[in-house]
N, C-alpha and C. Protein backbone atom coordinates (compact mmCIF):
# COMPACT_ATOMS: atom_id res chain seq x y z
N MET A 1 -191.53 -67.08 126.92
CA MET A 1 -190.82 -65.86 127.16
C MET A 1 -191.90 -64.79 127.59
N THR A 2 -191.54 -64.03 128.66
CA THR A 2 -192.45 -62.96 129.08
C THR A 2 -191.74 -61.65 128.87
N THR A 3 -192.59 -60.71 128.68
CA THR A 3 -192.03 -59.31 128.53
C THR A 3 -192.67 -58.48 129.64
N LYS A 4 -191.85 -57.59 130.15
CA LYS A 4 -192.33 -56.71 131.21
C LYS A 4 -192.73 -55.40 130.57
N PRO A 5 -193.65 -54.72 131.15
CA PRO A 5 -193.99 -53.37 130.66
C PRO A 5 -192.80 -52.40 130.89
N PRO A 6 -192.69 -51.41 130.09
CA PRO A 6 -191.59 -50.42 130.32
C PRO A 6 -191.77 -49.69 131.60
N SER A 7 -190.68 -49.28 132.12
CA SER A 7 -190.67 -48.47 133.40
C SER A 7 -191.43 -47.18 133.16
N SER A 8 -192.12 -46.69 134.13
CA SER A 8 -192.80 -45.43 134.04
C SER A 8 -191.78 -44.27 134.15
N VAL A 9 -192.02 -43.25 133.42
CA VAL A 9 -191.16 -42.13 133.43
C VAL A 9 -191.90 -40.92 133.91
N ARG A 10 -191.40 -40.25 134.93
CA ARG A 10 -191.97 -39.06 135.41
C ARG A 10 -191.40 -37.82 134.76
N ALA A 11 -192.18 -37.07 134.15
CA ALA A 11 -191.69 -35.86 133.40
C ALA A 11 -191.21 -34.85 134.44
N ALA A 12 -190.19 -34.11 134.03
CA ALA A 12 -189.64 -33.06 134.93
C ALA A 12 -190.63 -31.87 135.01
N GLU A 13 -190.62 -31.24 136.13
CA GLU A 13 -191.42 -30.08 136.30
C GLU A 13 -190.98 -28.91 135.36
N GLU A 14 -191.90 -28.02 134.99
CA GLU A 14 -191.57 -26.93 134.11
C GLU A 14 -190.49 -25.96 134.70
N SER A 15 -190.40 -25.96 136.01
CA SER A 15 -189.43 -25.07 136.62
C SER A 15 -188.08 -25.73 136.82
N ALA A 16 -187.92 -26.95 136.39
CA ALA A 16 -186.65 -27.69 136.54
C ALA A 16 -185.59 -27.06 135.58
N LEU A 17 -184.36 -26.99 136.04
CA LEU A 17 -183.31 -26.35 135.27
C LEU A 17 -183.12 -27.10 133.92
N GLU A 18 -183.33 -28.42 133.92
CA GLU A 18 -183.14 -29.16 132.68
C GLU A 18 -184.16 -28.74 131.65
N LYS A 19 -185.42 -28.59 132.04
CA LYS A 19 -186.48 -28.20 131.12
C LYS A 19 -186.23 -26.79 130.62
N ILE A 20 -185.85 -25.88 131.47
CA ILE A 20 -185.56 -24.51 131.09
C ILE A 20 -184.41 -24.46 130.09
N ALA A 21 -183.29 -25.19 130.39
CA ALA A 21 -182.13 -25.18 129.49
C ALA A 21 -182.45 -25.69 128.13
N TYR A 22 -183.09 -26.86 128.05
CA TYR A 22 -183.38 -27.49 126.79
C TYR A 22 -184.43 -26.73 126.05
N ALA A 23 -185.40 -26.08 126.67
CA ALA A 23 -186.39 -25.23 126.00
C ALA A 23 -185.74 -23.99 125.38
N CYS A 24 -184.75 -23.39 126.11
CA CYS A 24 -184.13 -22.25 125.60
C CYS A 24 -183.25 -22.65 124.34
N ALA A 25 -182.61 -23.77 124.42
CA ALA A 25 -181.79 -24.26 123.33
C ALA A 25 -182.63 -24.59 122.11
N ALA A 26 -183.87 -25.06 122.33
CA ALA A 26 -184.74 -25.43 121.21
C ALA A 26 -185.15 -24.22 120.41
N GLU A 27 -185.08 -23.02 120.98
CA GLU A 27 -185.49 -21.82 120.29
C GLU A 27 -184.39 -21.30 119.35
N ILE A 28 -183.22 -21.87 119.45
CA ILE A 28 -182.07 -21.38 118.64
C ILE A 28 -182.01 -22.21 117.37
N PRO A 29 -182.02 -21.60 116.20
CA PRO A 29 -181.86 -22.33 114.95
C PRO A 29 -180.49 -22.92 114.76
N THR A 30 -180.36 -24.23 114.57
CA THR A 30 -179.11 -24.90 114.39
C THR A 30 -179.13 -25.74 113.11
N ALA A 31 -177.95 -26.18 112.65
CA ALA A 31 -177.86 -26.93 111.46
C ALA A 31 -178.41 -28.37 111.64
N GLU A 32 -178.20 -28.94 112.80
CA GLU A 32 -178.60 -30.29 113.05
C GLU A 32 -179.34 -30.34 114.44
N PRO A 33 -180.26 -31.34 114.63
CA PRO A 33 -180.95 -31.47 115.87
C PRO A 33 -180.06 -31.71 117.04
N HIS A 34 -179.03 -32.47 116.82
CA HIS A 34 -178.06 -32.80 117.90
C HIS A 34 -177.36 -31.53 118.41
N ASP A 35 -177.26 -30.53 117.56
CA ASP A 35 -176.65 -29.26 118.01
C ASP A 35 -177.46 -28.62 119.12
N ASN A 36 -178.83 -28.76 119.03
CA ASN A 36 -179.69 -28.23 120.08
C ASN A 36 -179.49 -29.02 121.39
N ASP A 37 -179.28 -30.34 121.24
CA ASP A 37 -179.04 -31.18 122.45
C ASP A 37 -177.76 -30.77 123.13
N ARG A 38 -176.72 -30.59 122.33
CA ARG A 38 -175.41 -30.18 122.95
C ARG A 38 -175.52 -28.77 123.60
N LEU A 39 -176.29 -27.90 122.91
CA LEU A 39 -176.42 -26.53 123.47
C LEU A 39 -177.24 -26.61 124.73
N GLY A 40 -178.29 -27.41 124.77
CA GLY A 40 -179.11 -27.57 125.96
C GLY A 40 -178.34 -28.14 127.09
N TYR A 41 -177.52 -29.14 126.83
CA TYR A 41 -176.63 -29.71 127.91
C TYR A 41 -175.71 -28.63 128.50
N ASN A 42 -175.10 -27.89 127.59
CA ASN A 42 -174.11 -26.83 128.11
C ASN A 42 -174.89 -25.71 128.86
N LEU A 43 -176.08 -25.38 128.43
CA LEU A 43 -176.87 -24.39 129.20
C LEU A 43 -177.26 -24.96 130.50
N TRP A 44 -177.64 -26.25 130.57
CA TRP A 44 -177.96 -26.87 131.87
C TRP A 44 -176.72 -26.79 132.81
N ARG A 45 -175.54 -27.16 132.33
CA ARG A 45 -174.33 -27.09 133.13
C ARG A 45 -174.09 -25.65 133.61
N TYR A 46 -174.33 -24.69 132.73
CA TYR A 46 -174.13 -23.27 133.11
C TYR A 46 -175.07 -22.91 134.24
N LEU A 47 -176.34 -23.32 134.09
CA LEU A 47 -177.38 -22.96 135.11
C LEU A 47 -177.12 -23.66 136.42
N SER A 48 -176.65 -24.87 136.39
CA SER A 48 -176.51 -25.63 137.62
C SER A 48 -175.18 -25.33 138.32
N LEU A 49 -174.12 -25.07 137.60
CA LEU A 49 -172.83 -24.87 138.24
C LEU A 49 -172.47 -23.40 138.41
N ARG A 50 -172.85 -22.56 137.43
CA ARG A 50 -172.53 -21.11 137.48
C ARG A 50 -171.02 -20.87 137.60
N ARG A 51 -170.24 -21.65 136.97
CA ARG A 51 -168.76 -21.42 137.03
C ARG A 51 -168.28 -20.50 135.96
N ASP A 52 -168.77 -20.69 134.76
CA ASP A 52 -168.29 -19.85 133.63
C ASP A 52 -169.48 -18.98 133.15
N SER A 53 -169.18 -18.19 132.12
CA SER A 53 -170.17 -17.28 131.62
C SER A 53 -171.11 -17.96 130.63
N LEU A 54 -172.21 -17.33 130.29
CA LEU A 54 -173.18 -17.86 129.30
C LEU A 54 -172.43 -17.89 127.95
N GLU A 55 -171.63 -16.91 127.69
CA GLU A 55 -170.88 -16.94 126.36
C GLU A 55 -170.03 -18.20 126.28
N PHE A 56 -169.34 -18.55 127.37
CA PHE A 56 -168.54 -19.73 127.36
C PHE A 56 -169.33 -21.01 127.18
N ALA A 57 -170.49 -21.03 127.75
CA ALA A 57 -171.41 -22.23 127.64
C ALA A 57 -171.80 -22.43 126.15
N VAL A 58 -172.16 -21.29 125.52
CA VAL A 58 -172.59 -21.39 124.12
C VAL A 58 -171.38 -21.81 123.20
N ARG A 59 -170.24 -21.24 123.48
CA ARG A 59 -169.06 -21.56 122.65
C ARG A 59 -168.66 -23.02 122.86
N SER A 60 -168.64 -23.48 124.09
CA SER A 60 -168.20 -24.83 124.39
C SER A 60 -169.16 -25.89 123.82
N ALA A 61 -170.38 -25.52 123.51
CA ALA A 61 -171.36 -26.47 122.92
C ALA A 61 -170.87 -26.93 121.55
N GLY A 62 -170.19 -26.04 120.87
CA GLY A 62 -169.74 -26.41 119.51
C GLY A 62 -170.89 -26.59 118.56
N ALA A 63 -172.01 -25.96 118.77
CA ALA A 63 -173.16 -26.07 117.94
C ALA A 63 -173.01 -25.29 116.63
N HIS A 64 -173.49 -25.82 115.53
CA HIS A 64 -173.45 -25.13 114.29
C HIS A 64 -174.70 -24.24 114.19
N LEU A 65 -174.54 -23.03 114.59
CA LEU A 65 -175.65 -22.09 114.64
C LEU A 65 -175.98 -21.50 113.31
N ARG A 66 -177.23 -21.24 113.01
CA ARG A 66 -177.68 -20.60 111.78
C ARG A 66 -177.81 -19.07 111.94
N ILE A 67 -177.55 -18.60 113.13
CA ILE A 67 -177.47 -17.19 113.40
C ILE A 67 -176.13 -16.92 114.05
N SER A 68 -175.85 -15.62 114.23
CA SER A 68 -174.51 -15.32 114.83
C SER A 68 -174.54 -15.72 116.34
N GLU A 69 -173.36 -15.98 116.82
CA GLU A 69 -173.19 -16.37 118.22
C GLU A 69 -173.72 -15.28 119.14
N GLU A 70 -173.50 -14.01 118.83
CA GLU A 70 -173.95 -12.95 119.67
C GLU A 70 -175.47 -12.88 119.74
N GLU A 71 -176.09 -13.11 118.55
CA GLU A 71 -177.56 -13.12 118.55
C GLU A 71 -178.14 -14.32 119.33
N ALA A 72 -177.45 -15.46 119.20
CA ALA A 72 -177.86 -16.63 119.96
C ALA A 72 -177.79 -16.42 121.48
N ILE A 73 -176.70 -15.83 121.92
CA ILE A 73 -176.53 -15.50 123.34
C ILE A 73 -177.63 -14.58 123.77
N GLU A 74 -177.92 -13.55 123.03
CA GLU A 74 -178.93 -12.57 123.41
C GLU A 74 -180.30 -13.22 123.44
N ARG A 75 -180.62 -14.13 122.47
CA ARG A 75 -181.92 -14.81 122.49
C ARG A 75 -182.06 -15.72 123.71
N ILE A 76 -180.94 -16.47 124.08
CA ILE A 76 -180.92 -17.31 125.22
C ILE A 76 -181.11 -16.48 126.50
N ARG A 77 -180.39 -15.38 126.57
CA ARG A 77 -180.47 -14.53 127.76
C ARG A 77 -181.95 -14.03 127.91
N GLN A 78 -182.62 -13.63 126.86
CA GLN A 78 -183.99 -13.16 126.90
C GLN A 78 -184.92 -14.33 127.26
N ALA A 79 -184.68 -15.48 126.72
CA ALA A 79 -185.49 -16.71 127.04
C ALA A 79 -185.39 -17.07 128.51
N LEU A 80 -184.19 -16.98 129.06
CA LEU A 80 -183.93 -17.32 130.45
C LEU A 80 -184.68 -16.28 131.32
N ARG A 81 -184.54 -15.02 130.98
CA ARG A 81 -185.22 -13.97 131.76
C ARG A 81 -186.72 -14.19 131.78
N GLY A 82 -187.22 -14.54 130.56
CA GLY A 82 -188.66 -14.81 130.43
C GLY A 82 -189.14 -15.92 131.26
N ARG A 83 -188.30 -16.87 131.61
CA ARG A 83 -188.62 -18.01 132.44
C ARG A 83 -188.28 -17.72 133.90
N GLY A 84 -187.88 -16.49 134.19
CA GLY A 84 -187.58 -16.17 135.61
C GLY A 84 -186.20 -16.52 136.12
N VAL A 85 -185.27 -16.82 135.22
CA VAL A 85 -183.88 -17.18 135.63
C VAL A 85 -183.00 -15.97 135.52
N SER A 86 -182.35 -15.61 136.53
CA SER A 86 -181.45 -14.43 136.48
C SER A 86 -180.12 -14.87 135.75
N VAL A 87 -179.69 -14.01 134.85
CA VAL A 87 -178.48 -14.26 134.08
C VAL A 87 -177.44 -13.24 134.43
């Protein structure tokens, strides 16, 4: 039996929307780690599609936040602006 080496993975650039979305979500305190993943995914959808508002993206994530929703939205907005993304 032979085994093959794993496929190489190329990391996304720092300016990629995925990196920005998940980095912003990681800054928000949540009850569980998967809450940050869901929040990051919804932020990525918001950034890539721009159909709904940032508030809707945070609400639709259904994350159990340890801070108020308004404070989370404001922190995300500031983090996006700090990374050069217009909100």
